[in-house]
N, C-alpha and C. Protein backbone atom coordinates (compact mmCIF):
# COMPACT_ATOMS: atom_id res chain seq x y z
N UNK A 1 -20.59 258.70 88.01
CA UNK A 1 -21.67 257.85 88.38
C UNK A 1 -22.94 258.70 88.38
N UNK A 2 -24.01 258.17 87.84
CA UNK A 2 -25.26 258.92 87.74
C UNK A 2 -26.35 258.16 88.48
N UNK A 3 -27.13 258.88 89.28
CA UNK A 3 -28.27 258.31 90.00
C UNK A 3 -29.53 259.05 89.57
N UNK A 4 -30.59 258.33 89.36
CA UNK A 4 -31.89 258.93 89.08
C UNK A 4 -32.77 258.77 90.30
N UNK A 5 -33.16 259.86 90.90
CA UNK A 5 -34.07 259.83 92.04
C UNK A 5 -35.27 260.68 91.66
N UNK A 6 -36.41 260.04 91.47
CA UNK A 6 -37.58 260.79 91.01
C UNK A 6 -37.27 261.40 89.65
N UNK A 7 -37.41 262.71 89.58
CA UNK A 7 -37.09 263.41 88.34
C UNK A 7 -35.76 264.14 88.42
N UNK A 8 -35.06 264.04 89.57
CA UNK A 8 -33.77 264.71 89.75
C UNK A 8 -32.63 263.78 89.31
N UNK A 9 -31.59 264.31 88.72
CA UNK A 9 -30.41 263.56 88.33
C UNK A 9 -29.28 263.96 89.27
N UNK A 10 -28.63 262.96 89.89
CA UNK A 10 -27.49 263.21 90.76
C UNK A 10 -26.27 262.57 90.12
N UNK A 11 -25.22 263.32 89.98
CA UNK A 11 -23.98 262.81 89.39
C UNK A 11 -22.88 262.95 90.45
N UNK A 12 -22.19 261.83 90.74
CA UNK A 12 -21.07 261.88 91.69
C UNK A 12 -19.78 262.08 90.90
N UNK A 13 -19.05 263.13 91.21
CA UNK A 13 -17.80 263.42 90.53
C UNK A 13 -16.69 263.57 91.55
N UNK A 14 -15.51 263.11 91.20
CA UNK A 14 -14.36 263.18 92.09
C UNK A 14 -13.79 264.59 92.18
N UNK A 15 -13.79 265.29 91.10
CA UNK A 15 -13.00 266.51 91.02
C UNK A 15 -13.74 267.79 91.40
N UNK A 16 -14.93 267.73 91.95
CA UNK A 16 -15.60 268.97 92.34
C UNK A 16 -15.51 269.15 93.85
N UNK A 17 -15.43 270.38 94.29
CA UNK A 17 -15.24 270.70 95.69
C UNK A 17 -16.56 270.84 96.46
N UNK A 18 -17.63 271.24 95.80
CA UNK A 18 -18.93 271.39 96.45
C UNK A 18 -20.03 271.01 95.47
N UNK A 19 -21.21 270.73 96.01
CA UNK A 19 -22.35 270.38 95.16
C UNK A 19 -22.61 271.51 94.17
N UNK A 20 -22.93 271.16 92.95
CA UNK A 20 -23.21 272.17 91.92
C UNK A 20 -24.56 271.86 91.28
N UNK A 21 -25.31 272.92 91.02
CA UNK A 21 -26.61 272.75 90.34
C UNK A 21 -26.36 272.45 88.88
N UNK A 22 -27.22 271.65 88.36
CA UNK A 22 -27.16 271.28 86.95
C UNK A 22 -28.59 271.28 86.46
N UNK A 23 -28.80 271.66 85.22
CA UNK A 23 -30.16 271.70 84.67
C UNK A 23 -30.79 270.31 84.84
N UNK A 24 -31.78 270.22 85.69
CA UNK A 24 -32.47 268.95 85.91
C UNK A 24 -31.85 268.10 87.00
N UNK A 25 -30.85 268.59 87.74
CA UNK A 25 -30.26 267.79 88.81
C UNK A 25 -29.15 268.51 89.54
N UNK A 26 -28.41 267.77 90.33
CA UNK A 26 -27.31 268.33 91.13
C UNK A 26 -26.10 267.41 90.98
N UNK A 27 -24.93 268.02 90.80
CA UNK A 27 -23.67 267.26 90.81
C UNK A 27 -23.21 267.22 92.26
N UNK A 28 -23.04 266.02 92.81
CA UNK A 28 -22.67 265.85 94.21
C UNK A 28 -21.17 265.61 94.34
N UNK A 29 -20.59 266.11 95.43
CA UNK A 29 -19.17 265.83 95.71
C UNK A 29 -19.03 264.36 96.10
N UNK A 30 -17.85 263.84 95.88
CA UNK A 30 -17.58 262.43 96.18
C UNK A 30 -17.43 262.25 97.69
N UNK A 31 -17.97 261.17 98.21
CA UNK A 31 -17.81 260.83 99.61
C UNK A 31 -16.42 260.25 99.85
N UNK A 32 -15.90 260.44 101.05
CA UNK A 32 -14.61 259.84 101.39
C UNK A 32 -14.76 258.32 101.41
N UNK A 33 -13.71 257.65 100.93
CA UNK A 33 -13.72 256.19 100.97
C UNK A 33 -13.38 255.73 102.37
N UNK A 34 -13.68 254.48 102.67
CA UNK A 34 -13.37 253.93 103.99
C UNK A 34 -11.84 253.96 104.17
N UNK A 35 -11.39 254.49 105.29
CA UNK A 35 -9.94 254.55 105.50
C UNK A 35 -9.36 253.17 105.78
N UNK A 36 -8.07 253.05 105.57
CA UNK A 36 -7.36 251.82 105.89
C UNK A 36 -6.36 252.12 107.01
N UNK A 37 -6.01 251.11 107.76
CA UNK A 37 -5.16 251.28 108.93
C UNK A 37 -3.83 251.93 108.60
N UNK A 38 -3.24 251.53 107.48
CA UNK A 38 -1.91 252.06 107.12
C UNK A 38 -1.94 253.57 106.90
N UNK A 39 -3.11 254.15 106.57
CA UNK A 39 -3.21 255.60 106.41
C UNK A 39 -3.06 256.31 107.76
N UNK A 40 -3.46 255.66 108.84
CA UNK A 40 -3.36 256.25 110.17
C UNK A 40 -1.98 256.06 110.79
N UNK A 41 -1.21 255.11 110.27
CA UNK A 41 0.13 254.82 110.81
C UNK A 41 1.15 255.69 110.08
N UNK A 42 1.28 256.93 110.55
CA UNK A 42 2.19 257.88 109.91
C UNK A 42 3.62 257.38 109.97
N UNK A 43 4.29 257.44 108.85
CA UNK A 43 5.69 257.01 108.71
C UNK A 43 5.89 255.56 109.13
N UNK A 44 4.83 254.77 109.11
CA UNK A 44 4.89 253.35 109.47
C UNK A 44 5.44 253.14 110.88
N UNK A 45 5.20 254.10 111.76
CA UNK A 45 5.80 254.06 113.09
C UNK A 45 5.34 252.86 113.91
N UNK A 46 4.04 252.56 113.93
CA UNK A 46 3.58 251.43 114.74
C UNK A 46 4.10 250.12 114.17
N UNK A 47 4.20 250.05 112.85
CA UNK A 47 4.75 248.86 112.20
C UNK A 47 6.21 248.68 112.62
N UNK A 48 6.99 249.74 112.57
CA UNK A 48 8.40 249.68 112.99
C UNK A 48 8.51 249.32 114.47
N UNK A 49 7.61 249.88 115.29
CA UNK A 49 7.64 249.59 116.72
C UNK A 49 7.31 248.12 116.99
N UNK A 50 6.36 247.57 116.26
CA UNK A 50 6.03 246.15 116.41
C UNK A 50 7.24 245.30 116.05
N UNK A 51 7.89 245.61 114.94
CA UNK A 51 9.06 244.83 114.52
C UNK A 51 10.19 244.94 115.54
N UNK A 52 10.39 246.13 116.08
CA UNK A 52 11.44 246.32 117.09
C UNK A 52 11.10 245.51 118.35
N UNK A 53 9.84 245.53 118.75
CA UNK A 53 9.39 244.78 119.92
C UNK A 53 9.56 243.27 119.69
N UNK A 54 9.28 242.81 118.48
CA UNK A 54 9.46 241.39 118.15
C UNK A 54 10.90 240.97 118.41
N UNK A 55 11.84 241.82 117.99
CA UNK A 55 13.26 241.50 118.17
C UNK A 55 13.67 241.58 119.64
N UNK A 56 13.30 242.66 120.32
CA UNK A 56 13.73 242.88 121.70
C UNK A 56 13.13 241.85 122.64
N UNK A 57 11.83 241.58 122.49
CA UNK A 57 11.12 240.70 123.42
C UNK A 57 11.13 239.24 122.99
N UNK A 58 11.69 238.98 121.82
CA UNK A 58 11.77 237.61 121.30
C UNK A 58 10.38 236.96 121.28
N UNK A 59 9.47 237.58 120.53
CA UNK A 59 8.10 237.08 120.44
C UNK A 59 8.08 235.64 119.92
N UNK A 60 7.00 234.94 120.20
CA UNK A 60 6.79 233.60 119.64
C UNK A 60 6.61 233.75 118.13
N UNK A 61 7.24 232.87 117.39
CA UNK A 61 7.14 232.94 115.94
C UNK A 61 6.69 231.59 115.40
N UNK A 62 5.77 231.63 114.47
CA UNK A 62 5.27 230.42 113.82
C UNK A 62 5.41 230.64 112.32
N UNK A 63 6.16 229.78 111.66
CA UNK A 63 6.38 229.89 110.22
C UNK A 63 5.90 228.60 109.58
N UNK A 64 4.98 228.73 108.63
CA UNK A 64 4.49 227.58 107.89
C UNK A 64 4.85 227.76 106.42
N UNK A 65 5.47 226.76 105.87
CA UNK A 65 5.85 226.80 104.46
C UNK A 65 4.83 226.03 103.66
N UNK A 66 4.38 226.62 102.56
CA UNK A 66 3.42 225.96 101.69
C UNK A 66 3.84 226.09 100.24
N UNK A 67 3.18 225.35 99.38
CA UNK A 67 3.46 225.42 97.94
C UNK A 67 2.16 225.61 97.19
N UNK A 68 2.29 226.15 96.00
CA UNK A 68 1.13 226.30 95.13
C UNK A 68 1.56 226.00 93.71
N UNK A 69 0.64 226.06 92.79
CA UNK A 69 0.96 225.77 91.39
C UNK A 69 1.95 226.78 90.80
N UNK A 70 1.91 228.01 91.30
CA UNK A 70 2.76 229.06 90.73
C UNK A 70 4.03 229.30 91.51
N UNK A 71 4.20 228.68 92.66
CA UNK A 71 5.40 228.90 93.47
C UNK A 71 5.20 228.37 94.87
N UNK A 72 5.47 229.20 95.85
CA UNK A 72 5.33 228.79 97.23
C UNK A 72 5.00 229.97 98.10
N UNK A 73 4.86 229.69 99.40
CA UNK A 73 4.54 230.77 100.32
C UNK A 73 4.99 230.43 101.72
N UNK A 74 5.20 231.44 102.50
CA UNK A 74 5.43 231.33 103.92
C UNK A 74 4.33 232.12 104.61
N UNK A 75 3.66 231.50 105.56
CA UNK A 75 2.73 232.21 106.43
C UNK A 75 3.47 232.38 107.74
N UNK A 76 3.61 233.63 108.16
CA UNK A 76 4.41 233.95 109.33
C UNK A 76 3.53 234.67 110.35
N UNK A 77 3.57 234.19 111.59
CA UNK A 77 2.81 234.85 112.66
C UNK A 77 3.72 235.06 113.86
N UNK A 78 3.74 236.28 114.34
CA UNK A 78 4.46 236.64 115.56
C UNK A 78 3.42 236.95 116.63
N UNK A 79 3.65 236.46 117.83
CA UNK A 79 2.73 236.74 118.93
C UNK A 79 3.53 237.13 120.16
N UNK A 80 3.11 238.23 120.82
CA UNK A 80 3.81 238.63 122.04
C UNK A 80 3.52 237.62 123.14
N UNK A 81 4.30 237.68 124.21
CA UNK A 81 4.20 236.66 125.25
C UNK A 81 2.91 236.75 126.05
N UNK A 82 2.29 237.93 126.08
CA UNK A 82 1.00 238.07 126.77
C UNK A 82 -0.14 237.49 125.94
N UNK A 83 0.09 237.29 124.64
CA UNK A 83 -0.93 236.72 123.76
C UNK A 83 -2.00 237.70 123.33
N UNK A 84 -1.79 239.00 123.60
CA UNK A 84 -2.82 239.98 123.24
C UNK A 84 -2.46 240.83 122.03
N UNK A 85 -1.33 240.55 121.41
CA UNK A 85 -0.91 241.28 120.20
C UNK A 85 -0.15 240.34 119.29
N UNK A 86 -0.56 240.30 118.03
CA UNK A 86 0.18 239.49 117.06
C UNK A 86 0.18 240.17 115.71
N UNK A 87 1.12 239.74 114.90
CA UNK A 87 1.29 240.26 113.54
C UNK A 87 1.37 239.04 112.64
N UNK A 88 0.55 239.02 111.59
CA UNK A 88 0.50 237.85 110.71
C UNK A 88 0.51 238.31 109.26
N UNK A 89 1.28 237.61 108.45
CA UNK A 89 1.33 237.93 107.02
C UNK A 89 1.71 236.70 106.22
N UNK A 90 1.53 236.79 104.93
CA UNK A 90 1.93 235.73 104.01
C UNK A 90 2.87 236.32 102.97
N UNK A 91 3.98 235.65 102.76
CA UNK A 91 4.94 236.06 101.75
C UNK A 91 4.93 234.98 100.67
N UNK A 92 4.57 235.37 99.47
CA UNK A 92 4.48 234.41 98.36
C UNK A 92 5.61 234.68 97.37
N UNK A 93 6.03 233.63 96.71
CA UNK A 93 6.98 233.80 95.61
C UNK A 93 6.49 232.97 94.45
N UNK A 94 6.90 233.40 93.28
CA UNK A 94 6.42 232.78 92.06
C UNK A 94 7.59 232.18 91.32
N UNK A 95 7.33 231.53 90.20
CA UNK A 95 8.38 230.83 89.47
C UNK A 95 9.53 231.75 89.09
N UNK A 96 9.24 233.04 88.98
CA UNK A 96 10.31 233.98 88.65
C UNK A 96 11.01 234.50 89.91
N UNK A 97 10.74 233.88 91.07
CA UNK A 97 11.38 234.18 92.35
C UNK A 97 11.05 235.57 92.89
N UNK A 98 9.99 236.19 92.41
CA UNK A 98 9.58 237.49 92.89
C UNK A 98 8.73 237.30 94.14
N UNK A 99 9.09 237.98 95.23
CA UNK A 99 8.34 237.88 96.47
C UNK A 99 7.23 238.92 96.49
N UNK A 100 6.06 238.48 96.92
CA UNK A 100 4.91 239.39 97.04
C UNK A 100 4.20 239.09 98.35
N UNK A 101 3.69 240.14 98.97
CA UNK A 101 2.94 239.96 100.20
C UNK A 101 1.52 239.56 99.90
N UNK A 102 1.01 238.66 100.69
CA UNK A 102 -0.41 238.34 100.67
C UNK A 102 -1.08 239.20 101.71
N UNK A 103 -2.06 238.64 102.42
CA UNK A 103 -2.73 239.41 103.45
C UNK A 103 -1.74 239.74 104.57
N UNK A 104 -1.97 240.85 105.22
CA UNK A 104 -1.18 241.26 106.37
C UNK A 104 -2.14 241.83 107.40
N UNK A 105 -2.03 241.35 108.64
CA UNK A 105 -2.94 241.88 109.65
C UNK A 105 -2.25 241.95 111.01
N UNK A 106 -2.77 242.86 111.80
CA UNK A 106 -2.37 243.01 113.19
C UNK A 106 -3.57 242.57 114.01
N UNK A 107 -3.34 241.74 115.00
CA UNK A 107 -4.42 241.24 115.84
C UNK A 107 -4.20 241.80 117.25
N UNK A 108 -5.14 242.65 117.68
CA UNK A 108 -5.06 243.29 118.99
C UNK A 108 -6.27 242.85 119.80
N UNK A 109 -6.02 242.23 120.96
CA UNK A 109 -7.11 241.77 121.82
C UNK A 109 -8.16 240.99 121.02
N UNK A 110 -7.70 240.07 120.19
CA UNK A 110 -8.55 239.20 119.36
C UNK A 110 -9.36 239.94 118.31
N UNK A 111 -8.98 241.16 117.96
CA UNK A 111 -9.64 241.91 116.89
C UNK A 111 -8.66 242.06 115.73
N UNK A 112 -9.08 241.62 114.55
CA UNK A 112 -8.23 241.70 113.36
C UNK A 112 -8.27 243.10 112.76
N UNK A 113 -7.09 243.61 112.44
CA UNK A 113 -6.99 244.87 111.73
C UNK A 113 -6.14 244.61 110.50
N UNK A 114 -6.78 244.69 109.36
CA UNK A 114 -6.06 244.46 108.11
C UNK A 114 -5.13 245.63 107.83
N UNK A 115 -3.89 245.32 107.51
CA UNK A 115 -2.91 246.34 107.21
C UNK A 115 -2.80 246.40 105.68
N UNK A 116 -3.61 247.28 105.07
CA UNK A 116 -3.63 247.41 103.61
C UNK A 116 -2.39 248.15 103.13
N UNK A 117 -1.69 247.54 102.22
CA UNK A 117 -0.51 248.19 101.65
C UNK A 117 -0.44 247.91 100.16
N UNK A 118 0.15 248.83 99.47
CA UNK A 118 0.34 248.68 98.03
C UNK A 118 1.79 248.29 97.76
N UNK A 119 1.99 247.47 96.77
CA UNK A 119 3.35 247.14 96.37
C UNK A 119 4.05 248.44 95.97
N UNK A 120 5.24 248.64 96.48
CA UNK A 120 5.96 249.87 96.21
C UNK A 120 5.92 250.85 97.37
N UNK A 121 4.95 250.68 98.29
CA UNK A 121 4.92 251.51 99.50
C UNK A 121 6.13 251.19 100.37
N UNK A 122 6.52 252.15 101.19
CA UNK A 122 7.63 251.93 102.12
C UNK A 122 7.29 250.78 103.07
N UNK A 123 6.04 250.72 103.53
CA UNK A 123 5.64 249.67 104.46
C UNK A 123 5.72 248.29 103.81
N UNK A 124 5.44 248.21 102.52
CA UNK A 124 5.52 246.95 101.79
C UNK A 124 6.95 246.40 101.85
N UNK A 125 7.91 247.26 101.52
CA UNK A 125 9.32 246.87 101.53
C UNK A 125 9.78 246.54 102.95
N UNK A 126 9.32 247.33 103.91
CA UNK A 126 9.66 247.12 105.31
C UNK A 126 9.21 245.74 105.78
N UNK A 127 7.98 245.38 105.45
CA UNK A 127 7.43 244.09 105.87
C UNK A 127 8.15 242.94 105.17
N UNK A 128 8.33 243.03 103.86
CA UNK A 128 9.01 241.96 103.11
C UNK A 128 10.41 241.72 103.67
N UNK A 129 11.18 242.80 103.87
CA UNK A 129 12.54 242.66 104.38
C UNK A 129 12.56 242.06 105.78
N UNK A 130 11.68 242.52 106.65
CA UNK A 130 11.65 242.01 108.02
C UNK A 130 11.26 240.54 108.04
N UNK A 131 10.21 240.19 107.31
CA UNK A 131 9.74 238.81 107.29
C UNK A 131 10.81 237.88 106.73
N UNK A 132 11.46 238.30 105.64
CA UNK A 132 12.48 237.44 105.04
C UNK A 132 13.66 237.27 106.00
N UNK A 133 14.02 238.32 106.71
CA UNK A 133 15.10 238.24 107.70
C UNK A 133 14.75 237.19 108.77
N UNK A 134 13.51 237.18 109.22
CA UNK A 134 13.07 236.22 110.24
C UNK A 134 13.03 234.79 109.69
N UNK A 135 12.53 234.63 108.46
CA UNK A 135 12.48 233.31 107.84
C UNK A 135 13.89 232.77 107.65
N UNK A 136 14.78 233.62 107.19
CA UNK A 136 16.17 233.23 106.96
C UNK A 136 16.84 232.82 108.28
N UNK A 137 16.64 233.60 109.34
CA UNK A 137 17.23 233.30 110.64
C UNK A 137 16.71 231.97 111.17
N UNK A 138 15.41 231.76 111.06
CA UNK A 138 14.80 230.51 111.54
C UNK A 138 15.36 229.32 110.74
N UNK A 139 15.51 229.49 109.44
CA UNK A 139 16.05 228.44 108.58
C UNK A 139 17.49 228.11 108.98
N UNK A 140 18.30 229.14 109.23
CA UNK A 140 19.69 228.92 109.63
C UNK A 140 19.77 228.23 110.99
N UNK A 141 18.88 228.62 111.92
CA UNK A 141 18.85 227.98 113.24
C UNK A 141 18.48 226.50 113.12
N UNK A 142 17.49 226.20 112.28
CA UNK A 142 17.09 224.81 112.07
C UNK A 142 18.21 224.00 111.42
N UNK A 143 18.91 224.62 110.46
CA UNK A 143 20.04 223.95 109.81
C UNK A 143 21.11 223.60 110.84
N UNK A 144 21.50 224.59 111.67
CA UNK A 144 22.52 224.37 112.68
C UNK A 144 22.09 223.29 113.68
N UNK A 145 20.82 223.31 114.05
CA UNK A 145 20.28 222.32 114.98
C UNK A 145 20.35 220.91 114.37
N UNK A 146 20.01 220.79 113.09
CA UNK A 146 20.07 219.50 112.41
C UNK A 146 21.50 218.99 112.29
N UNK A 147 22.42 219.86 111.94
CA UNK A 147 23.84 219.46 111.83
C UNK A 147 24.35 218.98 113.18
N UNK A 148 24.00 219.70 114.24
CA UNK A 148 24.41 219.31 115.59
C UNK A 148 23.85 217.92 115.94
N UNK A 149 22.60 217.69 115.60
CA UNK A 149 21.98 216.40 115.87
C UNK A 149 22.68 215.29 115.07
N UNK A 150 22.95 215.55 113.79
CA UNK A 150 23.63 214.55 112.96
C UNK A 150 25.01 214.22 113.51
N UNK A 151 25.74 215.21 113.98
CA UNK A 151 27.07 214.96 114.56
C UNK A 151 26.94 214.11 115.82
N UNK A 152 25.92 214.37 116.61
CA UNK A 152 25.68 213.57 117.81
C UNK A 152 25.38 212.11 117.42
N UNK A 153 24.57 211.92 116.38
CA UNK A 153 24.26 210.56 115.91
C UNK A 153 25.53 209.87 115.42
N UNK A 154 26.36 210.59 114.71
CA UNK A 154 27.61 210.01 114.20
C UNK A 154 28.48 209.55 115.36
N UNK A 155 28.59 210.39 116.39
CA UNK A 155 29.39 210.02 117.57
C UNK A 155 28.82 208.78 118.28
N UNK A 156 27.51 208.61 118.22
CA UNK A 156 26.89 207.41 118.81
C UNK A 156 27.09 206.17 117.95
N UNK A 157 27.22 206.36 116.65
CA UNK A 157 27.41 205.22 115.74
C UNK A 157 28.84 204.68 115.81
N UNK A 158 29.82 205.54 115.90
CA UNK A 158 31.24 205.15 115.84
C UNK A 158 31.60 204.01 116.80
N UNK A 159 31.25 204.08 118.07
CA UNK A 159 31.64 202.98 118.97
C UNK A 159 30.92 201.66 118.66
N UNK A 160 29.85 201.71 117.95
CA UNK A 160 29.09 200.50 117.63
C UNK A 160 29.71 199.73 116.44
N UNK A 161 30.66 200.33 115.77
CA UNK A 161 31.34 199.69 114.64
C UNK A 161 32.58 198.97 115.17
N UNK A 162 32.37 197.96 116.00
CA UNK A 162 33.44 197.32 116.76
C UNK A 162 34.49 196.64 115.87
N UNK A 163 34.06 195.88 114.89
CA UNK A 163 35.02 195.17 114.05
C UNK A 163 35.86 196.15 113.25
N UNK A 164 35.22 197.15 112.67
CA UNK A 164 35.95 198.15 111.91
C UNK A 164 36.94 198.90 112.80
N UNK A 165 36.50 199.29 113.98
CA UNK A 165 37.39 200.01 114.91
C UNK A 165 38.58 199.14 115.32
N UNK A 166 38.32 197.84 115.59
CA UNK A 166 39.40 196.92 115.96
C UNK A 166 40.40 196.78 114.82
N UNK A 167 39.89 196.65 113.58
CA UNK A 167 40.77 196.53 112.41
C UNK A 167 41.64 197.78 112.24
N UNK A 168 41.07 198.93 112.44
CA UNK A 168 41.83 200.19 112.31
C UNK A 168 42.93 200.28 113.36
N UNK A 169 42.61 199.87 114.57
CA UNK A 169 43.60 199.89 115.65
C UNK A 169 44.74 198.92 115.32
N UNK A 170 44.41 197.72 114.85
CA UNK A 170 45.44 196.74 114.49
C UNK A 170 46.33 197.24 113.35
N UNK A 171 45.73 197.90 112.34
CA UNK A 171 46.51 198.45 111.22
C UNK A 171 47.49 199.51 111.71
N UNK A 172 47.08 200.34 112.67
CA UNK A 172 47.95 201.37 113.21
C UNK A 172 49.12 200.75 113.97
N UNK A 173 48.82 199.70 114.69
CA UNK A 173 49.86 199.03 115.47
C UNK A 173 50.87 198.35 114.55
N UNK A 174 50.40 197.74 113.47
CA UNK A 174 51.25 197.01 112.54
C UNK A 174 52.08 197.92 111.63
N UNK A 175 51.78 199.16 111.57
CA UNK A 175 52.53 200.09 110.71
C UNK A 175 53.82 200.46 111.30
């Protein structure tokens, strides 16, 4: 990158360790980029701790299923019982059934902290696996709850089929 200031030329280069003089200007060292939260979370420890806490404390979970032209998505939010810490992410899938993370953030005392991750990072795999495990568990719980409800409805319907029940009893007696 080249900057013209007055008659001096400044060039920003990534690979130099200190400013260097150049005929008619100075080559400047590159400034550090803005850090991301995941860089400060060594070995994904806080992420792992949040997931462990979600399991141990049975945090509130909200799962919303959506669809798009290319596939679908789940938006998942976990919130601790005090309401001062939550973890929110979106898991998308496409027609080829490949899961990809959308935005991911940690909310502490109503302040959003974006958890920037690259596909292929350990944290990326950690989040996808944990989220899918939670979605799957919630789906299985809902399935079991629905089956239980349907069986209850069936048991309520059976006594109301009086003529059929009477006919079955008579057939058994006549055999």
